Amino acid sequence: MSLTPVFEIGLWNAWILTTLLLLFIMLSGLLPGDIGSRIAPAKEVKKINNVMMIVFFTMILYSVFLPLKLGTVWLYVGIAVYIIGFIISSAALFSIAATKPGEPFTTGIYRYSRHPISLGTLLPMIGAGIASASWLFLLLSIILMVISRFLAIAEERATTNKFGDSYKEYIARTPRWIGLPKSEKG
């Protein structure tokens, strides 16, 4: 990793990875089971989501100028992290599509994580940062991660207001993130 950010337009840049993720996110909007209809429209959720989108699109723009580290361990580790995130996102979308309208997402991969879509978006971005060996891109990924945590809390609050006790029970038995144990805090 270099201390100075790299800005170099090229065919084998991180835009390949971020564009695939962006297309996947856009195509997921065509699936039945709209995420937005499951939570109450809260101002807090919208504000945090807007900040998150600014960081996300900044990362996508930067990826155009960020060369991948072809033929290095960085590339292979980054691609592996990217693929894991893509699999988590795909599983989440299948769970969303299988959930009846008017119900919260609690089946499929949502049994193991309350926010697999966030995790499935963060991991590919972290993977792109690793594949390009860019500390700046990884720093932006960490910022995205922190914003995702605040968004998750706001979404949970709004969803609890909409679905009540059944969603509180779901929160009590399901960790927020895959791989992290359920905290004892309520």
C-alpha atoms as a PDB file:
ATOM      1  CA  MET A   1       0.000   0.000   0.000  1.00  0.00           C
ATOM      2  CA  SER A   2       1.202   3.425  -0.898  1.00  0.00           C
ATOM      3  CA  LEU A   3       0.873   6.418   1.416  1.00  0.00           C
ATOM      4  CA  THR A   4      -0.315   8.640  -1.427  1.00  0.00           C
ATOM      5  CA  PRO A   5      -3.632   7.817  -3.087  1.00  0.00           C
ATOM      6  CA  VAL A   6      -3.374   6.519  -6.625  1.00  0.00           C
ATOM      7  CA  PHE A   7      -5.293   8.285  -9.393  1.00  0.00           C
ATOM      8  CA  GLU A   8      -4.860   6.470 -12.677  1.00  0.00           C
ATOM      9  CA  ILE A   9      -7.546   5.747 -15.271  1.00  0.00           C
ATOM     10  CA  GLY A  10      -7.335   2.253 -16.685  1.00  0.00           C
ATOM     11  CA  LEU A  11      -9.272  -0.770 -17.823  1.00  0.00           C
ATOM     12  CA  TRP A  12      -8.225  -2.934 -14.842  1.00  0.00           C
ATOM     13  CA  ASN A  13      -9.311  -0.541 -12.125  1.00  0.00           C
ATOM     14  CA  ALA A  14     -11.570  -1.054  -9.124  1.00  0.00           C
ATOM     15  CA  TRP A  15     -14.495   0.372 -11.127  1.00  0.00           C
ATOM     16  CA  ILE A  16     -15.015  -3.176 -12.431  1.00  0.00           C
ATOM     17  CA  LEU A  17     -15.877  -4.364  -8.929  1.00  0.00           C
ATOM     18  CA  THR A  18     -17.877  -1.350  -7.799  1.00  0.00           C
ATOM     19  CA  THR A  19     -19.865  -1.189 -11.041  1.00  0.00           C
ATOM     20  CA  LEU A  20     -20.851  -4.849 -10.679  1.00  0.00           C
ATOM     21  CA  LEU A  21     -22.023  -4.129  -7.139  1.00  0.00           C
ATOM     22  CA  LEU A  22     -23.928  -1.040  -8.266  1.00  0.00           C
ATOM     23  CA  LEU A  23     -25.654  -3.005 -11.063  1.00  0.00           C
ATOM     24  CA  PHE A  24     -26.557  -5.731  -8.595  1.00  0.00           C
ATOM     25  CA  ILE A  25     -28.087  -3.171  -6.222  1.00  0.00           C
ATOM     26  CA  MET A  26     -30.041  -1.556  -9.066  1.00  0.00           C
ATOM     27  CA  LEU A  27     -31.332  -4.925 -10.329  1.00  0.00           C
ATOM     28  CA  SER A  28     -32.354  -5.907  -6.814  1.00  0.00           C
ATOM     29  CA  GLY A  29     -34.884  -3.070  -6.925  1.00  0.00           C
ATOM     30  CA  LEU A  30     -36.783  -5.069  -9.520  1.00  0.00           C
ATOM     31  CA  LEU A  31     -37.418  -7.969  -7.130  1.00  0.00           C
ATOM     32  CA  PRO A  32     -40.708  -8.280  -5.279  1.00  0.00           C
ATOM     33  CA  GLY A  33     -40.531  -7.518  -1.580  1.00  0.00           C
ATOM     34  CA  ASP A  34     -39.586  -3.839  -1.464  1.00  0.00           C
ATOM     35  CA  ILE A  35     -37.387  -3.079   1.528  1.00  0.00           C
ATOM     36  CA  GLY A  36     -38.729   0.453   1.916  1.00  0.00           C
ATOM     37  CA  SER A  37     -42.300  -0.723   2.412  1.00  0.00           C
ATOM     38  CA  ARG A  38     -41.257  -2.796   5.439  1.00  0.00           C
ATOM     39  CA  ILE A  39     -40.162   0.102   7.607  1.00  0.00           C
ATOM     40  CA  ALA A  40     -41.976   3.257   8.554  1.00  0.00           C
ATOM     41  CA  PRO A  41     -40.667   6.273   6.619  1.00  0.00           C
ATOM     42  CA  ALA A  42     -38.564   7.858   9.337  1.00  0.00           C
ATOM     43  CA  LYS A  43     -36.718  11.140   8.789  1.00  0.00           C
ATOM     44  CA  GLU A  44     -33.744   9.786  10.718  1.00  0.00           C
ATOM     45  CA  VAL A  45     -33.448   6.798   8.354  1.00  0.00           C
ATOM     46  CA  LYS A  46     -33.634   9.038   5.295  1.00  0.00           C
ATOM     47  CA  LYS A  47     -30.970  11.449   6.595  1.00  0.00           C
ATOM     48  CA  ILE A  48     -28.512   8.697   7.481  1.00  0.00           C
ATOM     49  CA  ASN A  49     -29.176   6.929   4.180  1.00  0.00           C
ATOM     50  CA  ASN A  50     -28.448  10.152   2.266  1.00  0.00           C
ATOM     51  CA  VAL A  51     -25.075  10.534   4.001  1.00  0.00           C
ATOM     52  CA  MET A  52     -24.332   6.877   3.282  1.00  0.00           C
ATOM     53  CA  MET A  53     -25.141   7.339  -0.418  1.00  0.00           C
ATOM     54  CA  ILE A  54     -22.756  10.307  -0.645  1.00  0.00           C
ATOM     55  CA  VAL A  55     -19.893   8.176   0.727  1.00  0.00           C
ATOM     56  CA  PHE A  56     -20.923   5.194  -1.432  1.00  0.00           C
ATOM     57  CA  PHE A  57     -20.968   7.186  -4.679  1.00  0.00           C
ATOM     58  CA  THR A  58     -17.701   8.929  -3.733  1.00  0.00           C
ATOM     59  CA  MET A  59     -16.173   5.459  -3.480  1.00  0.00           C
ATOM     60  CA  ILE A  60     -17.604   4.445  -6.835  1.00  0.00           C
ATOM     61  CA  LEU A  61     -16.206   7.603  -8.439  1.00  0.00           C
ATOM     62  CA  TYR A  62     -12.784   7.053  -6.853  1.00  0.00           C
ATOM     63  CA  SER A  63     -12.794   3.423  -8.059  1.00  0.00           C
ATOM     64  CA  VAL A  64     -12.608   4.692 -11.656  1.00  0.00           C
ATOM     65  CA  PHE A  65      -9.121   6.048 -10.891  1.00  0.00           C
ATOM     66  CA  LEU A  66      -7.953   3.180  -8.668  1.00  0.00           C
ATOM     67  CA  PRO A  67      -5.938   0.384 -10.325  1.00  0.00           C
ATOM     68  CA  LEU A  68      -6.315  -3.171  -9.090  1.00  0.00           C
ATOM     69  CA  LYS A  69      -3.103  -4.850  -7.905  1.00  0.00           C
ATOM     70  CA  LEU A  70      -3.079  -7.523 -10.611  1.00  0.00           C
ATOM     71  CA  GLY A  71      -1.143 -10.700  -9.877  1.00  0.00           C
ATOM     72  CA  THR A  72      -0.694  -9.951  -6.166  1.00  0.00           C
ATOM     73  CA  VAL A  73      -2.036 -11.454  -2.967  1.00  0.00           C
ATOM     74  CA  TRP A  74      -3.948  -8.182  -2.466  1.00  0.00           C
ATOM     75  CA  LEU A  75      -6.064  -8.923  -5.542  1.00  0.00           C
ATOM     76  CA  TYR A  76      -6.872 -12.506  -4.591  1.00  0.00           C
ATOM     77  CA  VAL A  77      -7.765 -11.714  -0.975  1.00  0.00           C
ATOM     78  CA  GLY A  78      -9.838  -8.722  -2.106  1.00  0.00           C
ATOM     79  CA  ILE A  79     -11.723 -10.796  -4.684  1.00  0.00           C
ATOM     80  CA  ALA A  80     -12.457 -13.470  -2.030  1.00  0.00           C
ATOM     81  CA  VAL A  81     -13.878 -10.841   0.374  1.00  0.00           C
ATOM     82  CA  TYR A  82     -15.844  -9.311  -2.520  1.00  0.00           C
ATOM     83  CA  ILE A  83     -17.392 -12.689  -3.459  1.00  0.00           C
ATOM     84  CA  ILE A  84     -18.366 -13.465   0.152  1.00  0.00           C
ATOM     85  CA  GLY A  85     -20.194 -10.130   0.333  1.00  0.00           C
ATOM     86  CA  PHE A  86     -21.872 -10.765  -3.008  1.00  0.00           C
ATOM     87  CA  ILE A  87     -23.112 -14.174  -1.769  1.00  0.00           C
ATOM     88  CA  ILE A  88     -24.505 -12.601   1.415  1.00  0.00           C
ATOM     89  CA  SER A  89     -26.314  -9.929  -0.643  1.00  0.00           C
ATOM     90  CA  SER A  90     -27.763 -12.563  -2.967  1.00  0.00           C
ATOM     91  CA  ALA A  91     -29.007 -14.655  -0.047  1.00  0.00           C
ATOM     92  CA  ALA A  92     -30.605 -11.562   1.491  1.00  0.00           C
ATOM     93  CA  LEU A  93     -32.385 -10.711  -1.747  1.00  0.00           C
ATOM     94  CA  PHE A  94     -33.777 -14.243  -2.009  1.00  0.00           C
ATOM     95  CA  SER A  95     -35.050 -13.924   1.568  1.00  0.00           C
ATOM     96  CA  ILE A  96     -36.664 -10.579   0.788  1.00  0.00           C
ATOM     97  CA  ALA A  97     -38.351 -11.976  -2.331  1.00  0.00           C
ATOM     98  CA  ALA A  98     -39.691 -14.945  -0.331  1.00  0.00           C
ATOM     99  CA  THR A  99     -41.167 -12.800   2.465  1.00  0.00           C
ATOM    100  CA  LYS A 100     -44.876 -12.019   2.277  1.00  0.00           C
ATOM    101  CA  PRO A 101     -45.712  -8.338   1.730  1.00  0.00           C
ATOM    102  CA  GLY A 102     -46.467  -6.492   4.948  1.00  0.00           C
ATOM    103  CA  GLU A 103     -44.164  -8.680   7.059  1.00  0.00           C
ATOM    104  CA  PRO A 104     -40.646  -7.944   8.291  1.00  0.00           C
ATOM    105  CA  PHE A 105     -37.728  -9.940   6.880  1.00  0.00           C
ATOM    106  CA  THR A 106     -36.976 -12.653   9.433  1.00  0.00           C
ATOM    107  CA  THR A 107     -36.365 -15.795   7.374  1.00  0.00           C
ATOM    108  CA  GLY A 108     -33.485 -17.156   5.335  1.00  0.00           C
ATOM    109  CA  ILE A 109     -30.233 -15.316   6.010  1.00  0.00           C
ATOM    110  CA  TYR A 110     -32.204 -12.854   8.145  1.00  0.00           C
ATOM    111  CA  ARG A 111     -32.295 -15.604  10.822  1.00  0.00           C
ATOM    112  CA  TYR A 112     -28.546 -15.059  11.259  1.00  0.00           C
ATOM    113  CA  SER A 113     -28.300 -11.301  10.788  1.00  0.00           C
ATOM    114  CA  ARG A 114     -30.740  -8.415  11.003  1.00  0.00           C
ATOM    115  CA  HIS A 115     -28.804  -6.496   8.323  1.00  0.00           C
ATOM    116  CA  PRO A 116     -27.320  -8.846   5.716  1.00  0.00           C
ATOM    117  CA  ILE A 117     -27.888  -6.329   2.900  1.00  0.00           C
ATOM    118  CA  SER A 118     -25.631  -3.803   4.659  1.00  0.00           C
ATOM    119  CA  LEU A 119     -23.001  -6.444   5.288  1.00  0.00           C
ATOM    120  CA  GLY A 120     -23.349  -7.704   1.725  1.00  0.00           C
ATOM    121  CA  THR A 121     -22.678  -4.185   0.449  1.00  0.00           C
ATOM    122  CA  LEU A 122     -19.819  -3.398   2.831  1.00  0.00           C
ATOM    123  CA  LEU A 123     -17.804  -6.555   2.180  1.00  0.00           C
ATOM    124  CA  PRO A 124     -17.539  -6.003  -1.599  1.00  0.00           C
ATOM    125  CA  MET A 125     -16.399  -2.431  -0.997  1.00  0.00           C
ATOM    126  CA  ILE A 126     -13.804  -3.641   1.516  1.00  0.00           C
ATOM    127  CA  GLY A 127     -12.817  -6.322  -1.011  1.00  0.00           C
ATOM    128  CA  ALA A 128     -12.335  -3.676  -3.707  1.00  0.00           C
ATOM    129  CA  GLY A 129     -10.165  -1.685  -1.289  1.00  0.00           C
ATOM    130  CA  ILE A 130      -8.031  -4.739  -0.558  1.00  0.00           C
ATOM    131  CA  ALA A 131      -7.827  -5.752  -4.252  1.00  0.00           C
ATOM    132  CA  SER A 132      -6.506  -2.291  -5.089  1.00  0.00           C
ATOM    133  CA  ALA A 133      -4.369  -2.056  -1.918  1.00  0.00           C
ATOM    134  CA  SER A 134      -5.740   1.421  -1.278  1.00  0.00           C
ATOM    135  CA  TRP A 135      -5.719   2.722   2.279  1.00  0.00           C
ATOM    136  CA  LEU A 136      -7.969   5.607   1.193  1.00  0.00           C
ATOM    137  CA  PHE A 137     -10.600   3.244  -0.207  1.00  0.00           C
ATOM    138  CA  LEU A 138     -10.387   1.124   2.954  1.00  0.00           C
ATOM    139  CA  LEU A 139     -10.763   4.266   5.072  1.00  0.00           C
ATOM    140  CA  LEU A 140     -13.900   5.184   3.112  1.00  0.00           C
ATOM    141  CA  SER A 141     -15.118   1.602   3.678  1.00  0.00           C
ATOM    142  CA  ILE A 142     -14.667   2.048   7.429  1.00  0.00           C
ATOM    143  CA  ILE A 143     -16.613   5.313   7.266  1.00  0.00           C
ATOM    144  CA  LEU A 144     -19.333   3.465   5.345  1.00  0.00           C
ATOM    145  CA  MET A 145     -19.304   0.785   8.061  1.00  0.00           C
ATOM    146  CA  VAL A 146     -19.790   3.345  10.833  1.00  0.00           C
ATOM    147  CA  ILE A 147     -22.643   5.006   8.942  1.00  0.00           C
ATOM    148  CA  SER A 148     -24.194   1.561   8.369  1.00  0.00           C
ATOM    149  CA  ARG A 149     -24.260   0.958  12.095  1.00  0.00           C
ATOM    150  CA  PHE A 150     -26.193   4.187  12.703  1.00  0.00           C
ATOM    151  CA  LEU A 151     -28.519   3.356   9.810  1.00  0.00           C
ATOM    152  CA  ALA A 152     -29.136  -0.126  11.235  1.00  0.00           C
ATOM    153  CA  ILE A 153     -30.110   1.328  14.618  1.00  0.00           C
ATOM    154  CA  ALA A 154     -32.470   3.856  13.009  1.00  0.00           C
ATOM    155  CA  GLU A 155     -34.048   1.183  10.765  1.00  0.00           C
ATOM    156  CA  GLU A 156     -34.556  -1.128  13.726  1.00  0.00           C
ATOM    157  CA  ARG A 157     -36.226   1.638  15.708  1.00  0.00           C
ATOM    158  CA  ALA A 158     -38.576   2.460  12.804  1.00  0.00           C
ATOM    159  CA  THR A 159     -39.306  -1.221  12.100  1.00  0.00           C
ATOM    160  CA  THR A 160     -40.016  -1.893  15.784  1.00  0.00           C
ATOM    161  CA  ASN A 161     -42.484   1.005  15.759  1.00  0.00           C
ATOM    162  CA  LYS A 162     -44.227  -0.540  12.755  1.00  0.00           C
ATOM    163  CA  PHE A 163     -44.240  -4.237  13.736  1.00  0.00           C
ATOM    164  CA  GLY A 164     -44.157  -4.041  17.547  1.00  0.00           C
ATOM    165  CA  ASP A 165     -43.564  -7.038  19.780  1.00  0.00           C
ATOM    166  CA  SER A 166     -42.980  -9.591  17.018  1.00  0.00           C
ATOM    167  CA  TYR A 167     -40.059  -7.548  15.749  1.00  0.00           C
ATOM    168  CA  LYS A 168     -38.759  -7.021  19.307  1.00  0.00           C
ATOM    169  CA  GLU A 169     -38.687 -10.819  19.723  1.00  0.00           C
ATOM    170  CA  TYR A 170     -36.793 -11.118  16.433  1.00  0.00           C
ATOM    171  CA  ILE A 171     -34.245  -8.525  17.631  1.00  0.00           C
ATOM    172  CA  ALA A 172     -33.848 -10.426  20.915  1.00  0.00           C
ATOM    173  CA  ARG A 173     -32.877 -13.672  19.160  1.00  0.00           C
ATOM    174  CA  THR A 174     -30.948 -12.417  16.108  1.00  0.00           C
ATOM    175  CA  PRO A 175     -27.563 -10.668  16.064  1.00  0.00           C
ATOM    176  CA  ARG A 176     -27.250  -7.440  14.115  1.00  0.00           C
ATOM    177  CA  TRP A 177     -24.306  -8.680  12.015  1.00  0.00           C
ATOM    178  CA  ILE A 178     -23.367 -12.171  10.818  1.00  0.00           C
ATOM    179  CA  GLY A 179     -20.475 -13.593  12.791  1.00  0.00           C
ATOM    180  CA  LEU A 180     -20.872 -11.267  15.753  1.00  0.00           C
ATOM    181  CA  PRO A 181     -22.532 -12.693  18.862  1.00  0.00           C
ATOM    182  CA  LYS A 182     -25.814 -11.266  20.063  1.00  0.00           C
ATOM    183  CA  SER A 183     -25.121  -8.549  22.613  1.00  0.00           C
ATOM    184  CA  GLU A 184     -26.785  -8.708  26.020  1.00  0.00           C
ATOM    185  CA  LYS A 185     -27.959  -5.087  25.726  1.00  0.00           C
ATOM    186  CA  GLY A 186     -31.605  -4.655  24.773  1.00  0.00           C
END
